[in-house]
Amino acid sequence: MEIAKNTVVTLDYSVKDPDGNMIDDGHHPLVYLHGGYDGIFAVIEEALHGKLVGEKLTIKLAPEDAFGEFDEELVLVEDASLFPDNIEVGMSFERVGDNDDEEMVYRITDIADGKVVVDGNHPLAGTALIFDITVKSVRPASAEEIGHGHVHGEGGHHH
């Protein structure tokens, strides 16, 4: 079966950065609903359209096609008194933006001299990604999966 709109696609994959460092070894296959449901990066979905089980692809994503460019304005230095005493580098928290914008996830990247550095960028922002992909399986999506916009069952969403 060919990958087309409203098919459930299972991929074996790995992701590396341009220097060859492993970012995701793809230990668990990636399962998504094909056809514009935002279950996978758009550039990858476009490249997979029309492919068959067993086909292999290497797809390079520029930062803007993956997790975006690094935005210095999302790195903030805050007074440590604004945080609980038990914070550690690497912790994440949600923060409502100015003007009641949607909540953003910030990571603590440094704690020193009574200050806390928080970063609202995705950890992979600014990084190009190289995906090595093998199409493992393709099946028609169920009416329920199409209605919900995501895969159900093994490898997918469980209600």
C-alpha atoms as a PDB file:
ATOM      1  CA  MET A   1       0.000   0.000   0.000  1.00  0.00           C
ATOM      2  CA  GLU A   2       1.177   3.485  -0.879  1.00  0.00           C
ATOM      3  CA  ILE A   3       1.407   6.308   1.676  1.00  0.00           C
ATOM      4  CA  ALA A   4      -1.545   8.597   0.960  1.00  0.00           C
ATOM      5  CA  LYS A   5      -3.981  10.843   2.843  1.00  0.00           C
ATOM      6  CA  ASN A   6      -5.708   9.019   5.711  1.00  0.00           C
ATOM      7  CA  THR A   7      -3.228   6.170   5.970  1.00  0.00           C
ATOM      8  CA  VAL A   8      -1.500   5.155   9.185  1.00  0.00           C
ATOM      9  CA  VAL A   9       2.244   5.028   8.609  1.00  0.00           C
ATOM     10  CA  THR A  10       4.824   3.298  10.792  1.00  0.00           C
ATOM     11  CA  LEU A  11       8.439   4.377  10.371  1.00  0.00           C
ATOM     12  CA  ASP A  12      11.734   3.035  11.621  1.00  0.00           C
ATOM     13  CA  TYR A  13      13.966   6.070  11.957  1.00  0.00           C
ATOM     14  CA  SER A  14      16.941   7.738  13.562  1.00  0.00           C
ATOM     15  CA  VAL A  15      17.802  11.421  13.854  1.00  0.00           C
ATOM     16  CA  LYS A  16      21.286  12.938  13.880  1.00  0.00           C
ATOM     17  CA  ASP A  17      22.638  16.452  13.839  1.00  0.00           C
ATOM     18  CA  PRO A  18      24.917  17.610  10.981  1.00  0.00           C
ATOM     19  CA  ASP A  19      27.998  16.504  12.979  1.00  0.00           C
ATOM     20  CA  GLY A  20      26.679  12.929  13.156  1.00  0.00           C
ATOM     21  CA  ASN A  21      25.675  13.078  16.835  1.00  0.00           C
ATOM     22  CA  MET A  22      22.686  10.850  17.601  1.00  0.00           C
ATOM     23  CA  ILE A  23      19.679  12.888  18.706  1.00  0.00           C
ATOM     24  CA  ASP A  24      17.066  10.110  18.621  1.00  0.00           C
ATOM     25  CA  ASP A  25      17.924   6.478  17.982  1.00  0.00           C
ATOM     26  CA  GLY A  26      14.317   5.684  17.071  1.00  0.00           C
ATOM     27  CA  HIS A  27      14.122   2.922  19.662  1.00  0.00           C
ATOM     28  CA  HIS A  28      10.343   2.985  19.240  1.00  0.00           C
ATOM     29  CA  PRO A  29       8.904   3.219  15.714  1.00  0.00           C
ATOM     30  CA  LEU A  30       7.121   6.438  14.809  1.00  0.00           C
ATOM     31  CA  VAL A  31       3.444   5.965  13.978  1.00  0.00           C
ATOM     32  CA  TYR A  32       1.405   8.826  12.540  1.00  0.00           C
ATOM     33  CA  LEU A  33      -1.741   9.629  10.547  1.00  0.00           C
ATOM     34  CA  HIS A  34      -0.686  10.854   7.085  1.00  0.00           C
ATOM     35  CA  GLY A  35      -2.449  13.735   5.390  1.00  0.00           C
ATOM     36  CA  GLY A  36      -1.842  17.053   7.129  1.00  0.00           C
ATOM     37  CA  TYR A  37      -2.763  16.147  10.717  1.00  0.00           C
ATOM     38  CA  ASP A  38       0.482  17.629  12.109  1.00  0.00           C
ATOM     39  CA  GLY A  39       1.698  14.295  13.460  1.00  0.00           C
ATOM     40  CA  ILE A  40       5.103  14.694  11.813  1.00  0.00           C
ATOM     41  CA  PHE A  41       7.175  17.520  10.340  1.00  0.00           C
ATOM     42  CA  ALA A  42       5.539  18.756   7.117  1.00  0.00           C
ATOM     43  CA  VAL A  43       8.717  18.381   5.025  1.00  0.00           C
ATOM     44  CA  ILE A  44       9.000  14.725   6.046  1.00  0.00           C
ATOM     45  CA  GLU A  45       5.319  14.071   5.389  1.00  0.00           C
ATOM     46  CA  GLU A  46       5.641  15.560   1.906  1.00  0.00           C
ATOM     47  CA  ALA A  47       8.715  13.412   1.170  1.00  0.00           C
ATOM     48  CA  LEU A  48       6.922  10.256   2.320  1.00  0.00           C
ATOM     49  CA  HIS A  49       3.783  10.817   0.251  1.00  0.00           C
ATOM     50  CA  GLY A  50       3.466   8.061  -2.344  1.00  0.00           C
ATOM     51  CA  LYS A  51       6.195   5.864  -0.811  1.00  0.00           C
ATOM     52  CA  LEU A  52       5.814   2.119  -0.250  1.00  0.00           C
ATOM     53  CA  VAL A  53       6.714  -0.266   2.582  1.00  0.00           C
ATOM     54  CA  GLY A  54      10.452  -0.910   2.613  1.00  0.00           C
ATOM     55  CA  GLU A  55      11.457   2.370   0.964  1.00  0.00           C
ATOM     56  CA  LYS A  56      14.313   4.243   2.653  1.00  0.00           C
ATOM     57  CA  LEU A  57      14.863   7.994   2.729  1.00  0.00           C
ATOM     58  CA  THR A  58      17.368  10.399   4.202  1.00  0.00           C
ATOM     59  CA  ILE A  59      15.757  13.775   4.814  1.00  0.00           C
ATOM     60  CA  LYS A  60      17.632  16.857   5.960  1.00  0.00           C
ATOM     61  CA  LEU A  61      15.587  19.478   7.783  1.00  0.00           C
ATOM     62  CA  ALA A  62      16.752  23.050   8.173  1.00  0.00           C
ATOM     63  CA  PRO A  63      16.039  24.505  11.638  1.00  0.00           C
ATOM     64  CA  GLU A  64      13.017  26.444  10.343  1.00  0.00           C
ATOM     65  CA  ASP A  65      11.479  23.153   9.122  1.00  0.00           C
ATOM     66  CA  ALA A  66      12.089  21.434  12.472  1.00  0.00           C
ATOM     67  CA  PHE A  67      12.107  23.215  15.834  1.00  0.00           C
ATOM     68  CA  GLY A  68      12.741  26.741  14.558  1.00  0.00           C
ATOM     69  CA  GLU A  69      15.657  29.108  14.760  1.00  0.00           C
ATOM     70  CA  PHE A  70      17.144  29.937  18.152  1.00  0.00           C
ATOM     71  CA  ASP A  71      15.486  33.104  19.502  1.00  0.00           C
ATOM     72  CA  GLU A  72      17.684  35.087  21.923  1.00  0.00           C
ATOM     73  CA  GLU A  73      14.589  36.960  23.137  1.00  0.00           C
ATOM     74  CA  LEU A  74      13.325  33.721  24.701  1.00  0.00           C
ATOM     75  CA  VAL A  75      16.348  33.557  27.015  1.00  0.00           C
ATOM     76  CA  LEU A  76      15.571  35.443  30.214  1.00  0.00           C
ATOM     77  CA  VAL A  77      17.512  36.145  33.401  1.00  0.00           C
ATOM     78  CA  GLU A  78      15.219  36.204  36.419  1.00  0.00           C
ATOM     79  CA  ASP A  79      15.775  36.797  40.112  1.00  0.00           C
ATOM     80  CA  ALA A  80      16.087  33.507  42.014  1.00  0.00           C
ATOM     81  CA  SER A  81      13.555  34.763  44.586  1.00  0.00           C
ATOM     82  CA  LEU A  82      10.838  34.194  41.950  1.00  0.00           C
ATOM     83  CA  PHE A  83      11.473  30.427  42.057  1.00  0.00           C
ATOM     84  CA  PRO A  84      11.071  27.697  44.665  1.00  0.00           C
ATOM     85  CA  ASP A  85      14.202  26.747  46.618  1.00  0.00           C
ATOM     86  CA  ASN A  86      14.457  23.271  45.090  1.00  0.00           C
ATOM     87  CA  ILE A  87      14.968  24.263  41.439  1.00  0.00           C
ATOM     88  CA  GLU A  88      17.704  22.634  39.367  1.00  0.00           C
ATOM     89  CA  VAL A  89      19.226  23.165  35.937  1.00  0.00           C
ATOM     90  CA  GLY A  90      17.189  21.167  33.404  1.00  0.00           C
ATOM     91  CA  MET A  91      13.818  21.633  35.106  1.00  0.00           C
ATOM     92  CA  SER A  92      10.966  22.881  32.936  1.00  0.00           C
ATOM     93  CA  PHE A  93       7.930  24.969  33.768  1.00  0.00           C
ATOM     94  CA  GLU A  94       5.112  26.729  31.970  1.00  0.00           C
ATOM     95  CA  ARG A  95       4.830  30.479  31.912  1.00  0.00           C
ATOM     96  CA  VAL A  96       2.050  32.624  30.487  1.00  0.00           C
ATOM     97  CA  GLY A  97       3.499  35.198  28.123  1.00  0.00           C
ATOM     98  CA  ASP A  98       2.822  38.919  28.097  1.00  0.00           C
ATOM     99  CA  ASN A  99      -0.707  39.996  27.146  1.00  0.00           C
ATOM    100  CA  ASP A 100      -2.042  36.583  28.227  1.00  0.00           C
ATOM    101  CA  ASP A 101      -0.441  34.866  25.236  1.00  0.00           C
ATOM    102  CA  GLU A 102      -0.450  31.091  25.223  1.00  0.00           C
ATOM    103  CA  GLU A 103       1.650  29.339  27.817  1.00  0.00           C
ATOM    104  CA  MET A 104       5.243  28.543  26.892  1.00  0.00           C
ATOM    105  CA  VAL A 105       7.547  25.935  28.332  1.00  0.00           C
ATOM    106  CA  TYR A 106      10.808  27.301  29.695  1.00  0.00           C
ATOM    107  CA  ARG A 107      13.844  25.283  30.798  1.00  0.00           C
ATOM    108  CA  ILE A 108      16.230  26.372  33.523  1.00  0.00           C
ATOM    109  CA  THR A 109      19.666  26.488  31.901  1.00  0.00           C
ATOM    110  CA  ASP A 110      21.752  28.123  34.649  1.00  0.00           C
ATOM    111  CA  ILE A 111      21.537  29.158  38.303  1.00  0.00           C
ATOM    112  CA  ALA A 112      24.214  31.485  39.704  1.00  0.00           C
ATOM    113  CA  ASP A 113      24.666  34.537  41.911  1.00  0.00           C
ATOM    114  CA  GLY A 114      20.976  34.790  42.841  1.00  0.00           C
ATOM    115  CA  LYS A 115      19.867  34.665  39.212  1.00  0.00           C
ATOM    116  CA  VAL A 116      18.143  31.988  37.167  1.00  0.00           C
ATOM    117  CA  VAL A 117      18.531  31.751  33.388  1.00  0.00           C
ATOM    118  CA  VAL A 118      15.452  30.338  31.647  1.00  0.00           C
ATOM    119  CA  ASP A 119      15.148  29.445  27.969  1.00  0.00           C
ATOM    120  CA  GLY A 120      11.852  29.231  26.062  1.00  0.00           C
ATOM    121  CA  ASN A 121      13.476  27.770  22.946  1.00  0.00           C
ATOM    122  CA  HIS A 122      13.011  24.090  22.161  1.00  0.00           C
ATOM    123  CA  PRO A 123      16.254  22.281  23.112  1.00  0.00           C
ATOM    124  CA  LEU A 124      16.828  21.575  19.389  1.00  0.00           C
ATOM    125  CA  ALA A 125      16.023  25.101  18.166  1.00  0.00           C
ATOM    126  CA  GLY A 126      18.613  26.268  15.673  1.00  0.00           C
ATOM    127  CA  THR A 127      19.715  22.701  14.886  1.00  0.00           C
ATOM    128  CA  ALA A 128      19.452  21.103  11.465  1.00  0.00           C
ATOM    129  CA  LEU A 129      18.254  17.492  11.674  1.00  0.00           C
ATOM    130  CA  ILE A 130      18.999  14.507   9.473  1.00  0.00           C
ATOM    131  CA  PHE A 131      16.375  11.765   9.491  1.00  0.00           C
ATOM    132  CA  ASP A 132      17.149   8.263   8.214  1.00  0.00           C
ATOM    133  CA  ILE A 133      13.757   6.669   7.622  1.00  0.00           C
ATOM    134  CA  THR A 134      12.473   3.276   6.512  1.00  0.00           C
ATOM    135  CA  VAL A 135       8.759   2.818   5.825  1.00  0.00           C
ATOM    136  CA  LYS A 136       7.826  -0.141   8.026  1.00  0.00           C
ATOM    137  CA  SER A 137       4.081  -0.378   7.380  1.00  0.00           C
ATOM    138  CA  VAL A 138       1.134   1.459   5.842  1.00  0.00           C
ATOM    139  CA  ARG A 139      -2.548   0.760   6.481  1.00  0.00           C
ATOM    140  CA  PRO A 140      -5.843   2.554   5.944  1.00  0.00           C
ATOM    141  CA  ALA A 141      -6.843   4.713   8.908  1.00  0.00           C
ATOM    142  CA  SER A 142     -10.101   3.923  10.671  1.00  0.00           C
ATOM    143  CA  ALA A 143     -12.984   6.402  10.561  1.00  0.00           C
ATOM    144  CA  GLU A 144     -12.398   7.060  14.265  1.00  0.00           C
ATOM    145  CA  GLU A 145      -8.698   7.840  13.707  1.00  0.00           C
ATOM    146  CA  ILE A 146      -9.554  10.224  10.865  1.00  0.00           C
ATOM    147  CA  GLY A 147     -12.244  11.880  12.988  1.00  0.00           C
ATOM    148  CA  HIS A 148      -9.862  12.337  15.908  1.00  0.00           C
ATOM    149  CA  GLY A 149      -6.916  13.339  13.698  1.00  0.00           C
ATOM    150  CA  HIS A 150      -4.483  10.828  15.204  1.00  0.00           C
ATOM    151  CA  VAL A 151      -3.621   7.134  15.338  1.00  0.00           C
ATOM    152  CA  HIS A 152      -5.220   4.861  17.914  1.00  0.00           C
ATOM    153  CA  GLY A 153      -3.887   1.617  19.362  1.00  0.00           C
ATOM    154  CA  GLU A 154      -0.342   0.296  19.261  1.00  0.00           C
ATOM    155  CA  GLY A 155       2.145   3.096  18.739  1.00  0.00           C
ATOM    156  CA  GLY A 156      -0.615   5.688  18.635  1.00  0.00           C
ATOM    157  CA  HIS A 157      -2.928   7.520  21.016  1.00  0.00           C
ATOM    158  CA  HIS A 158      -4.860   5.691  23.705  1.00  0.00           C
ATOM    159  CA  HIS A 159      -8.054   7.246  25.069  1.00  0.00           C
END
